[in-house]
Amino acid sequence: MRNKNNKHLGIEIDPELHYKLHYISKYYGRSANGEILYLIRQEIKAFEKSEGEIAIPKEPKAN
């Protein structure tokens, strides 16, 4: 069941990129959604390592 506190992100993706995403996610035993979340987390980790931690406001603005 979906967590109502989580945000939803819809993106358009070209067929070649879509196929390759699914290929890689299957290779690593993840869903495509899981692979995208993994890649986002890795990028955030790398960014914060080089630029410093991103502070989260007490009440984040809705985007």
N, C-alpha and C. Protein backbone atom coordinates (compact mmCIF):
# COMPACT_ATOMS: atom_id res chain seq x y z
N MET A 1 0.84 -1.19 0.00
CA MET A 1 0.00 0.00 0.00
C MET A 1 0.88 1.24 0.00
N ARG A 2 0.45 2.23 -0.71
CA ARG A 2 1.18 3.48 -0.85
C ARG A 2 1.13 4.30 0.44
N ASN A 3 2.27 4.87 0.81
CA ASN A 3 2.35 5.75 1.98
C ASN A 3 1.85 7.13 1.58
N LYS A 4 0.79 7.59 2.21
CA LYS A 4 0.18 8.88 1.86
C LYS A 4 1.10 10.07 2.14
N ASN A 5 2.12 9.89 2.98
CA ASN A 5 3.06 10.97 3.28
C ASN A 5 4.11 11.15 2.18
N ASN A 6 4.28 10.11 1.35
CA ASN A 6 5.27 10.20 0.27
C ASN A 6 4.76 11.06 -0.87
N LYS A 7 5.69 11.65 -1.58
CA LYS A 7 5.37 12.47 -2.75
C LYS A 7 5.39 11.61 -3.99
N HIS A 8 4.61 11.97 -4.97
CA HIS A 8 4.56 11.25 -6.24
C HIS A 8 5.28 12.08 -7.29
N LEU A 9 6.09 11.42 -8.11
CA LEU A 9 6.82 12.11 -9.17
C LEU A 9 6.56 11.38 -10.48
N GLY A 10 5.93 12.04 -11.40
CA GLY A 10 5.68 11.45 -12.72
C GLY A 10 6.66 12.03 -13.73
N ILE A 11 7.28 11.17 -14.53
CA ILE A 11 8.21 11.65 -15.55
C ILE A 11 7.91 10.98 -16.88
N GLU A 12 8.24 11.66 -17.96
CA GLU A 12 8.19 11.06 -19.29
C GLU A 12 9.57 10.56 -19.61
N ILE A 13 9.64 9.41 -20.27
CA ILE A 13 10.92 8.79 -20.57
C ILE A 13 10.83 8.16 -21.96
N ASP A 14 11.89 8.33 -22.76
CA ASP A 14 11.85 7.77 -24.11
C ASP A 14 11.98 6.24 -24.04
N PRO A 15 11.50 5.54 -25.06
CA PRO A 15 11.47 4.08 -25.04
C PRO A 15 12.84 3.41 -24.82
N GLU A 16 13.90 3.95 -25.40
CA GLU A 16 15.22 3.35 -25.23
C GLU A 16 15.70 3.45 -23.78
N LEU A 17 15.53 4.63 -23.19
CA LEU A 17 15.92 4.83 -21.80
C LEU A 17 15.07 3.95 -20.88
N HIS A 18 13.79 3.85 -21.18
CA HIS A 18 12.87 3.01 -20.42
C HIS A 18 13.32 1.55 -20.45
N TYR A 19 13.64 1.04 -21.62
CA TYR A 19 14.11 -0.34 -21.75
C TYR A 19 15.39 -0.56 -20.94
N LYS A 20 16.34 0.35 -21.08
CA LYS A 20 17.62 0.21 -20.39
C LYS A 20 17.45 0.30 -18.87
N LEU A 21 16.57 1.16 -18.40
CA LEU A 21 16.28 1.25 -16.98
C LEU A 21 15.76 -0.08 -16.45
N HIS A 22 14.80 -0.66 -17.16
CA HIS A 22 14.23 -1.94 -16.75
C HIS A 22 15.27 -3.06 -16.82
N TYR A 23 16.12 -3.03 -17.82
CA TYR A 23 17.19 -4.02 -17.96
C TYR A 23 18.12 -3.97 -16.75
N ILE A 24 18.56 -2.77 -16.39
CA ILE A 24 19.48 -2.60 -15.26
C ILE A 24 18.80 -2.96 -13.94
N SER A 25 17.57 -2.50 -13.76
CA SER A 25 16.88 -2.79 -12.50
C SER A 25 16.67 -4.30 -12.34
N LYS A 26 16.33 -5.00 -13.43
CA LYS A 26 16.17 -6.45 -13.36
C LYS A 26 17.52 -7.12 -13.03
N TYR A 27 18.58 -6.63 -13.61
CA TYR A 27 19.92 -7.16 -13.35
C TYR A 27 20.26 -7.10 -11.86
N TYR A 28 19.90 -6.00 -11.22
CA TYR A 28 20.19 -5.80 -9.80
C TYR A 28 19.08 -6.32 -8.88
N GLY A 29 18.03 -6.90 -9.45
CA GLY A 29 16.95 -7.46 -8.64
C GLY A 29 16.06 -6.42 -8.01
N ARG A 30 15.95 -5.28 -8.67
CA ARG A 30 15.08 -4.22 -8.17
C ARG A 30 13.99 -3.93 -9.19
N SER A 31 12.93 -3.29 -8.72
CA SER A 31 11.92 -2.78 -9.65
C SER A 31 12.49 -1.52 -10.30
N ALA A 32 11.86 -1.07 -11.36
CA ALA A 32 12.31 0.17 -11.99
C ALA A 32 12.19 1.33 -11.00
N ASN A 33 11.11 1.36 -10.23
CA ASN A 33 10.93 2.40 -9.22
C ASN A 33 12.04 2.32 -8.18
N GLY A 34 12.34 1.11 -7.73
CA GLY A 34 13.42 0.92 -6.76
C GLY A 34 14.77 1.37 -7.30
N GLU A 35 15.01 1.10 -8.58
CA GLU A 35 16.27 1.52 -9.20
C GLU A 35 16.36 3.04 -9.27
N ILE A 36 15.27 3.69 -9.63
CA ILE A 36 15.25 5.15 -9.70
C ILE A 36 15.52 5.74 -8.31
N LEU A 37 14.86 5.19 -7.28
CA LEU A 37 15.09 5.69 -5.92
C LEU A 37 16.53 5.46 -5.49
N TYR A 38 17.10 4.32 -5.84
CA TYR A 38 18.50 4.03 -5.53
C TYR A 38 19.42 5.07 -6.18
N LEU A 39 19.19 5.34 -7.46
CA LEU A 39 20.03 6.30 -8.19
C LEU A 39 19.88 7.71 -7.62
N ILE A 40 18.68 8.10 -7.26
CA ILE A 40 18.46 9.42 -6.65
C ILE A 40 19.21 9.52 -5.33
N ARG A 41 19.09 8.48 -4.50
CA ARG A 41 19.79 8.49 -3.20
C ARG A 41 21.30 8.57 -3.39
N GLN A 42 21.84 7.85 -4.38
CA GLN A 42 23.27 7.88 -4.65
C GLN A 42 23.72 9.29 -5.07
N GLU A 43 22.92 9.94 -5.89
CA GLU A 43 23.25 11.30 -6.34
C GLU A 43 23.19 12.29 -5.19
N ILE A 44 22.20 12.16 -4.34
CA ILE A 44 22.09 13.05 -3.17
C ILE A 44 23.29 12.84 -2.25
N LYS A 45 23.67 11.58 -2.02
CA LYS A 45 24.84 11.27 -1.18
C LYS A 45 26.10 11.93 -1.75
N ALA A 46 26.30 11.80 -3.06
CA ALA A 46 27.47 12.38 -3.72
C ALA A 46 27.45 13.90 -3.62
N PHE A 47 26.29 14.50 -3.84
CA PHE A 47 26.16 15.95 -3.76
C PHE A 47 26.50 16.44 -2.36
N GLU A 48 25.90 15.80 -1.35
CA GLU A 48 26.14 16.22 0.03
C GLU A 48 27.58 15.99 0.46
N LYS A 49 28.21 14.98 -0.07
CA LYS A 49 29.62 14.74 0.25
C LYS A 49 30.50 15.89 -0.26
N SER A 50 30.19 16.39 -1.46
CA SER A 50 31.02 17.45 -2.03
C SER A 50 30.57 18.85 -1.64
N GLU A 51 29.28 19.05 -1.41
CA GLU A 51 28.74 20.40 -1.18
C GLU A 51 28.22 20.64 0.23
N GLY A 52 28.11 19.60 1.03
CA GLY A 52 27.57 19.74 2.38
C GLY A 52 26.14 19.26 2.46
N GLU A 53 25.76 18.91 3.67
CA GLU A 53 24.42 18.37 3.90
C GLU A 53 23.33 19.37 3.55
N ILE A 54 22.29 18.87 2.96
CA ILE A 54 21.12 19.70 2.62
C ILE A 54 20.21 19.73 3.84
N ALA A 55 19.96 20.90 4.37
CA ALA A 55 19.09 21.04 5.54
C ALA A 55 17.64 20.94 5.11
N ILE A 56 16.86 20.20 5.88
CA ILE A 56 15.44 20.07 5.62
C ILE A 56 14.69 21.00 6.57
N PRO A 57 13.89 21.93 6.01
CA PRO A 57 13.12 22.84 6.88
C PRO A 57 12.12 22.04 7.71
N LYS A 58 11.72 22.58 8.84
CA LYS A 58 10.74 21.92 9.72
C LYS A 58 9.47 21.59 8.97
N GLU A 59 8.95 22.52 8.20
CA GLU A 59 7.74 22.32 7.39
C GLU A 59 8.10 22.56 5.93
N PRO A 60 8.49 21.51 5.20
CA PRO A 60 8.88 21.68 3.81
C PRO A 60 7.76 22.28 2.96
N LYS A 61 8.15 23.09 2.00
CA LYS A 61 7.18 23.66 1.06
C LYS A 61 6.71 22.57 0.12
N ALA A 62 5.43 22.60 -0.24
CA ALA A 62 4.89 21.63 -1.19
C ALA A 62 5.37 21.98 -2.59
N ASN A 63 5.85 20.98 -3.31
CA ASN A 63 6.34 21.19 -4.69
C ASN A 63 5.62 20.31 -5.64
